[in-house]
Amino acid sequence: MPSGLPPPQSPPAPPPPGPPRPPRSGQWSTAMIIVVVVVVLVASSIVMSAVLYFLVSGLTTSQPSSQPLGVAFALGYPTESVGEGYHYYNFSVIAILESFPWDDLRFSVLTGAGLPISQAGTSVGILSEAVPVASYALAGNSWTAGGASNVVSGQIVSVDTLAISASSGMLVVSAVGGPCSGTVSFTIS
């Protein structure tokens, strides 16, 4: 052996077996990681739900959308009155949205064969408790009186087709302005 070197040492003995060591502070257990992941997922789904609610409900739009006419305006089943030289078809108004005037609407009447009735003298009258409120000429496709008055539930739409029968035909109502859009048809029985 060379001189000046320390004698070789034997390896250290392993520590005696004992109870398992607790995790060091700063270490995460698997259960703690799962809890954090679940909390993050729940929080993000709540945020996404709120964003989708505002997008779908239309709260982020600045312009009001028009309502379909079939939701805003409806007529009951017609009653028919026929005599020599006249045919009347009376519909009662069921207005769900009552904040628009009659002149936002246009009328046309079709026979059972689908032909339009638009001869001179044919008309649509609006009555409130048997008193005329407005009048619409089918021949001119225009309001002749009272178009600015509002649609009110309980009014009567009286279709006068003179001597032309509209039985099995249609009363077609179209929105041309205001808060509604679209067209609805009502069967004349």
C-alpha atoms as a PDB file:
ATOM      1  CA  MET A   1       0.000   0.000   0.000  1.00  0.00           C
ATOM      2  CA  PRO A   2       1.221   3.373  -0.787  1.00  0.00           C
ATOM      3  CA  SER A   3       1.925   5.556   2.094  1.00  0.00           C
ATOM      4  CA  GLY A   4      -0.127   8.623   2.891  1.00  0.00           C
ATOM      5  CA  LEU A   5      -3.466   7.228   1.806  1.00  0.00           C
ATOM      6  CA  PRO A   6      -6.208   6.489   4.277  1.00  0.00           C
ATOM      7  CA  PRO A   7      -7.224   2.879   4.634  1.00  0.00           C
ATOM      8  CA  PRO A   8     -10.277   1.830   2.533  1.00  0.00           C
ATOM      9  CA  GLN A   9     -13.614   2.105   4.287  1.00  0.00           C
ATOM     10  CA  SER A  10     -16.499  -0.310   4.092  1.00  0.00           C
ATOM     11  CA  PRO A  11     -19.831   0.921   2.593  1.00  0.00           C
ATOM     12  CA  PRO A  12     -22.333   2.433   5.044  1.00  0.00           C
ATOM     13  CA  ALA A  13     -24.907   0.084   6.504  1.00  0.00           C
ATOM     14  CA  PRO A  14     -28.530   0.478   5.260  1.00  0.00           C
ATOM     15  CA  PRO A  15     -30.894   2.246   7.661  1.00  0.00           C
ATOM     16  CA  PRO A  16     -32.929  -0.011   9.857  1.00  0.00           C
ATOM     17  CA  PRO A  17     -36.477  -0.707   8.520  1.00  0.00           C
ATOM     18  CA  GLY A  18     -39.169   1.477  10.100  1.00  0.00           C
ATOM     19  CA  PRO A  19     -42.551   3.060   9.462  1.00  0.00           C
ATOM     20  CA  PRO A  20     -43.077   4.685   5.989  1.00  0.00           C
ATOM     21  CA  ARG A  21     -42.113   8.300   5.750  1.00  0.00           C
ATOM     22  CA  PRO A  22     -44.903  10.915   5.424  1.00  0.00           C
ATOM     23  CA  PRO A  23     -44.874  12.921   2.166  1.00  0.00           C
ATOM     24  CA  ARG A  24     -42.680  15.928   2.245  1.00  0.00           C
ATOM     25  CA  SER A  25     -44.375  19.287   2.419  1.00  0.00           C
ATOM     26  CA  GLY A  26     -44.789  20.648  -1.141  1.00  0.00           C
ATOM     27  CA  GLN A  27     -45.612  17.231  -2.632  1.00  0.00           C
ATOM     28  CA  TRP A  28     -49.122  16.752  -4.123  1.00  0.00           C
ATOM     29  CA  SER A  29     -51.011  13.562  -3.643  1.00  0.00           C
ATOM     30  CA  THR A  30     -53.062  12.063  -6.494  1.00  0.00           C
ATOM     31  CA  ALA A  31     -56.329  12.848  -4.678  1.00  0.00           C
ATOM     32  CA  MET A  32     -55.395  16.525  -4.350  1.00  0.00           C
ATOM     33  CA  ILE A  33     -54.621  16.724  -8.090  1.00  0.00           C
ATOM     34  CA  ILE A  34     -57.992  15.165  -8.974  1.00  0.00           C
ATOM     35  CA  VAL A  35     -59.841  17.648  -6.732  1.00  0.00           C
ATOM     36  CA  VAL A  36     -58.098  20.615  -8.385  1.00  0.00           C
ATOM     37  CA  VAL A  37     -58.844  19.308 -11.900  1.00  0.00           C
ATOM     38  CA  VAL A  38     -62.541  18.820 -11.051  1.00  0.00           C
ATOM     39  CA  VAL A  39     -62.811  22.339  -9.574  1.00  0.00           C
ATOM     40  CA  VAL A  40     -61.207  23.866 -12.693  1.00  0.00           C
ATOM     41  CA  LEU A  41     -63.549  21.906 -15.015  1.00  0.00           C
ATOM     42  CA  VAL A  42     -66.671  22.932 -13.066  1.00  0.00           C
ATOM     43  CA  ALA A  43     -65.616  26.592 -12.997  1.00  0.00           C
ATOM     44  CA  SER A  44     -64.906  26.660 -16.731  1.00  0.00           C
ATOM     45  CA  SER A  45     -68.236  25.004 -17.559  1.00  0.00           C
ATOM     46  CA  ILE A  46     -70.067  27.644 -15.488  1.00  0.00           C
ATOM     47  CA  VAL A  47     -68.281  30.432 -17.361  1.00  0.00           C
ATOM     48  CA  MET A  48     -69.044  28.815 -20.744  1.00  0.00           C
ATOM     49  CA  SER A  49     -72.714  28.400 -19.774  1.00  0.00           C
ATOM     50  CA  ALA A  50     -72.982  32.092 -18.939  1.00  0.00           C
ATOM     51  CA  VAL A  51     -71.354  33.087 -22.250  1.00  0.00           C
ATOM     52  CA  LEU A  52     -73.670  30.806 -24.234  1.00  0.00           C
ATOM     53  CA  TYR A  53     -76.727  32.113 -22.366  1.00  0.00           C
ATOM     54  CA  PHE A  54     -75.951  35.694 -23.381  1.00  0.00           C
ATOM     55  CA  LEU A  55     -75.251  34.722 -26.982  1.00  0.00           C
ATOM     56  CA  VAL A  56     -78.387  32.608 -27.367  1.00  0.00           C
ATOM     57  CA  SER A  57     -80.757  34.922 -25.492  1.00  0.00           C
ATOM     58  CA  GLY A  58     -79.878  37.809 -27.762  1.00  0.00           C
ATOM     59  CA  LEU A  59     -78.805  40.128 -24.991  1.00  0.00           C
ATOM     60  CA  THR A  60     -75.690  40.988 -26.955  1.00  0.00           C
ATOM     61  CA  THR A  61     -77.606  42.201 -30.036  1.00  0.00           C
ATOM     62  CA  SER A  62     -78.437  45.862 -30.412  1.00  0.00           C
ATOM     63  CA  GLN A  63     -81.346  45.511 -32.873  1.00  0.00           C
ATOM     64  CA  PRO A  64     -84.679  43.958 -31.937  1.00  0.00           C
ATOM     65  CA  SER A  65     -85.597  41.090 -34.195  1.00  0.00           C
ATOM     66  CA  SER A  66     -88.975  40.951 -35.873  1.00  0.00           C
ATOM     67  CA  GLN A  67     -91.495  38.476 -34.584  1.00  0.00           C
ATOM     68  CA  PRO A  68     -93.077  35.946 -36.961  1.00  0.00           C
ATOM     69  CA  LEU A  69     -96.563  37.117 -37.932  1.00  0.00           C
ATOM     70  CA  GLY A  70     -98.019  33.714 -37.025  1.00  0.00           C
ATOM     71  CA  VAL A  71     -96.936  34.293 -33.410  1.00  0.00           C
ATOM     72  CA  ALA A  72     -98.087  37.926 -33.238  1.00  0.00           C
ATOM     73  CA  PHE A  73    -101.433  37.599 -34.992  1.00  0.00           C
ATOM     74  CA  ALA A  74    -104.082  34.902 -35.295  1.00  0.00           C
ATOM     75  CA  LEU A  75    -107.686  34.620 -36.405  1.00  0.00           C
ATOM     76  CA  GLY A  76    -110.396  32.290 -35.172  1.00  0.00           C
ATOM     77  CA  TYR A  77    -112.517  30.068 -37.418  1.00  0.00           C
ATOM     78  CA  PRO A  78    -114.659  32.099 -39.829  1.00  0.00           C
ATOM     79  CA  THR A  79    -118.413  32.299 -39.917  1.00  0.00           C
ATOM     80  CA  GLU A  80    -119.973  32.594 -43.364  1.00  0.00           C
ATOM     81  CA  SER A  81    -122.948  34.710 -44.350  1.00  0.00           C
ATOM     82  CA  VAL A  82    -124.277  34.203 -47.892  1.00  0.00           C
ATOM     83  CA  GLY A  83    -127.097  35.991 -49.664  1.00  0.00           C
ATOM     84  CA  GLU A  84    -128.041  37.081 -53.141  1.00  0.00           C
ATOM     85  CA  GLY A  85    -124.971  38.832 -54.524  1.00  0.00           C
ATOM     86  CA  TYR A  86    -122.802  38.706 -51.419  1.00  0.00           C
ATOM     87  CA  HIS A  87    -120.529  36.443 -49.395  1.00  0.00           C
ATOM     88  CA  TYR A  88    -119.181  37.569 -46.032  1.00  0.00           C
ATOM     89  CA  TYR A  89    -116.591  35.638 -44.007  1.00  0.00           C
ATOM     90  CA  ASN A  90    -116.103  36.924 -40.463  1.00  0.00           C
ATOM     91  CA  PHE A  91    -112.998  36.026 -38.449  1.00  0.00           C
ATOM     92  CA  SER A  92    -112.441  37.041 -34.828  1.00  0.00           C
ATOM     93  CA  VAL A  93    -109.001  38.491 -34.065  1.00  0.00           C
ATOM     94  CA  ILE A  94    -106.730  36.805 -31.565  1.00  0.00           C
ATOM     95  CA  ALA A  95    -103.823  39.252 -31.310  1.00  0.00           C
ATOM     96  CA  ILE A  96    -100.931  38.100 -29.164  1.00  0.00           C
ATOM     97  CA  LEU A  97     -98.787  41.159 -29.908  1.00  0.00           C
ATOM     98  CA  GLU A  98    -101.110  44.158 -29.955  1.00  0.00           C
ATOM     99  CA  SER A  99     -98.577  46.900 -30.562  1.00  0.00           C
ATOM    100  CA  PHE A 100     -98.830  47.247 -34.327  1.00  0.00           C
ATOM    101  CA  PRO A 101    -101.280  49.024 -36.634  1.00  0.00           C
ATOM    102  CA  TRP A 102    -103.434  47.389 -39.281  1.00  0.00           C
ATOM    103  CA  ASP A 103    -101.520  49.127 -42.066  1.00  0.00           C
ATOM    104  CA  ASP A 104     -98.525  46.893 -41.266  1.00  0.00           C
ATOM    105  CA  LEU A 105    -100.620  44.095 -42.824  1.00  0.00           C
ATOM    106  CA  ARG A 106    -101.790  43.285 -46.362  1.00  0.00           C
ATOM    107  CA  PHE A 107    -104.653  40.939 -47.243  1.00  0.00           C
ATOM    108  CA  SER A 108    -105.451  38.718 -50.188  1.00  0.00           C
ATOM    109  CA  VAL A 109    -108.244  36.200 -50.660  1.00  0.00           C
ATOM    110  CA  LEU A 110    -108.052  33.040 -52.753  1.00  0.00           C
ATOM    111  CA  THR A 111    -110.940  30.940 -54.015  1.00  0.00           C
ATOM    112  CA  GLY A 112    -111.078  27.201 -53.393  1.00  0.00           C
ATOM    113  CA  ALA A 113    -109.387  26.810 -56.809  1.00  0.00           C
ATOM    114  CA  GLY A 114    -106.525  29.078 -55.673  1.00  0.00           C
ATOM    115  CA  LEU A 115    -107.533  32.073 -57.807  1.00  0.00           C
ATOM    116  CA  PRO A 116    -107.175  35.549 -56.281  1.00  0.00           C
ATOM    117  CA  ILE A 117    -110.318  37.550 -55.553  1.00  0.00           C
ATOM    118  CA  SER A 118    -109.525  41.176 -56.303  1.00  0.00           C
ATOM    119  CA  GLN A 119    -112.511  42.575 -58.215  1.00  0.00           C
ATOM    120  CA  ALA A 120    -113.667  46.129 -57.571  1.00  0.00           C
ATOM    121  CA  GLY A 121    -115.801  46.284 -54.453  1.00  0.00           C
ATOM    122  CA  THR A 122    -114.241  43.269 -52.727  1.00  0.00           C
ATOM    123  CA  SER A 123    -112.887  44.321 -49.359  1.00  0.00           C
ATOM    124  CA  VAL A 124    -111.781  43.491 -45.862  1.00  0.00           C
ATOM    125  CA  GLY A 125    -113.403  45.444 -43.064  1.00  0.00           C
ATOM    126  CA  ILE A 126    -112.192  45.668 -39.478  1.00  0.00           C
ATOM    127  CA  LEU A 127    -114.975  45.940 -36.903  1.00  0.00           C
ATOM    128  CA  SER A 128    -114.816  46.607 -33.182  1.00  0.00           C
ATOM    129  CA  GLU A 129    -118.091  45.842 -31.401  1.00  0.00           C
ATOM    130  CA  ALA A 130    -119.922  46.082 -34.771  1.00  0.00           C
ATOM    131  CA  VAL A 131    -118.462  49.548 -35.464  1.00  0.00           C
ATOM    132  CA  PRO A 132    -116.174  49.900 -38.529  1.00  0.00           C
ATOM    133  CA  VAL A 133    -112.586  50.667 -37.541  1.00  0.00           C
ATOM    134  CA  ALA A 134    -110.683  50.204 -40.816  1.00  0.00           C
ATOM    135  CA  SER A 135    -111.274  49.224 -44.434  1.00  0.00           C
ATOM    136  CA  TYR A 136    -108.995  47.489 -46.941  1.00  0.00           C
ATOM    137  CA  ALA A 137    -109.679  47.285 -50.716  1.00  0.00           C
ATOM    138  CA  LEU A 138    -108.689  43.910 -52.181  1.00  0.00           C
ATOM    139  CA  ALA A 139    -108.780  45.400 -55.697  1.00  0.00           C
ATOM    140  CA  GLY A 140    -106.255  48.113 -54.867  1.00  0.00           C
ATOM    141  CA  ASN A 141    -104.345  46.099 -52.275  1.00  0.00           C
ATOM    142  CA  SER A 142    -104.428  49.104 -49.953  1.00  0.00           C
ATOM    143  CA  TRP A 143    -106.037  50.568 -46.859  1.00  0.00           C
ATOM    144  CA  THR A 144    -108.824  53.005 -47.668  1.00  0.00           C
ATOM    145  CA  ALA A 145    -109.590  54.059 -44.087  1.00  0.00           C
ATOM    146  CA  GLY A 146    -108.397  53.494 -40.516  1.00  0.00           C
ATOM    147  CA  GLY A 147    -105.203  51.591 -41.279  1.00  0.00           C
ATOM    148  CA  ALA A 148    -103.357  53.449 -38.532  1.00  0.00           C
ATOM    149  CA  SER A 149    -105.595  51.953 -35.827  1.00  0.00           C
ATOM    150  CA  ASN A 150    -104.032  49.150 -33.788  1.00  0.00           C
ATOM    151  CA  VAL A 151    -104.820  45.460 -33.999  1.00  0.00           C
ATOM    152  CA  VAL A 152    -106.853  44.558 -30.898  1.00  0.00           C
ATOM    153  CA  SER A 153    -107.948  41.168 -29.699  1.00  0.00           C
ATOM    154  CA  GLY A 154    -111.686  40.667 -30.171  1.00  0.00           C
ATOM    155  CA  GLN A 155    -112.002  42.747 -33.335  1.00  0.00           C
ATOM    156  CA  ILE A 156    -113.683  41.182 -36.377  1.00  0.00           C
ATOM    157  CA  VAL A 157    -112.039  40.820 -39.781  1.00  0.00           C
ATOM    158  CA  SER A 158    -114.950  40.780 -42.220  1.00  0.00           C
ATOM    159  CA  VAL A 159    -114.089  39.630 -45.746  1.00  0.00           C
ATOM    160  CA  ASP A 160    -116.600  40.742 -48.417  1.00  0.00           C
ATOM    161  CA  THR A 161    -116.145  38.865 -51.720  1.00  0.00           C
ATOM    162  CA  LEU A 162    -119.412  40.115 -53.258  1.00  0.00           C
ATOM    163  CA  ALA A 163    -120.950  37.329 -55.373  1.00  0.00           C
ATOM    164  CA  ILE A 164    -117.722  35.277 -55.508  1.00  0.00           C
ATOM    165  CA  SER A 165    -117.564  32.287 -53.189  1.00  0.00           C
ATOM    166  CA  ALA A 166    -114.336  31.885 -51.241  1.00  0.00           C
ATOM    167  CA  SER A 167    -115.505  28.678 -49.531  1.00  0.00           C
ATOM    168  CA  SER A 168    -112.596  26.229 -49.205  1.00  0.00           C
ATOM    169  CA  GLY A 169    -110.307  29.142 -50.067  1.00  0.00           C
ATOM    170  CA  MET A 170    -107.797  31.114 -48.039  1.00  0.00           C
ATOM    171  CA  LEU A 171    -107.410  34.484 -46.410  1.00  0.00           C
ATOM    172  CA  VAL A 172    -103.708  35.339 -46.701  1.00  0.00           C
ATOM    173  CA  VAL A 173    -102.253  37.971 -44.358  1.00  0.00           C
ATOM    174  CA  SER A 174     -98.750  39.368 -44.957  1.00  0.00           C
ATOM    175  CA  ALA A 175     -96.661  41.653 -42.772  1.00  0.00           C
ATOM    176  CA  VAL A 176     -95.131  44.584 -44.657  1.00  0.00           C
ATOM    177  CA  GLY A 177     -93.551  46.506 -41.807  1.00  0.00           C
ATOM    178  CA  GLY A 178     -93.553  47.050 -38.085  1.00  0.00           C
ATOM    179  CA  PRO A 179     -92.555  44.449 -35.517  1.00  0.00           C
ATOM    180  CA  CYS A 180     -93.696  41.415 -37.550  1.00  0.00           C
ATOM    181  CA  SER A 181     -92.492  39.542 -40.587  1.00  0.00           C
ATOM    182  CA  GLY A 182     -93.832  36.767 -42.772  1.00  0.00           C
ATOM    183  CA  THR A 183     -97.182  35.536 -44.047  1.00  0.00           C
ATOM    184  CA  VAL A 184     -99.963  33.461 -42.505  1.00  0.00           C
ATOM    185  CA  SER A 185    -102.932  31.835 -44.207  1.00  0.00           C
ATOM    186  CA  PHE A 186    -106.341  31.124 -42.732  1.00  0.00           C
ATOM    187  CA  THR A 187    -108.686  28.567 -44.262  1.00  0.00           C
ATOM    188  CA  ILE A 188    -112.132  29.749 -45.277  1.00  0.00           C
ATOM    189  CA  SER A 189    -114.470  26.844 -44.666  1.00  0.00           C
END
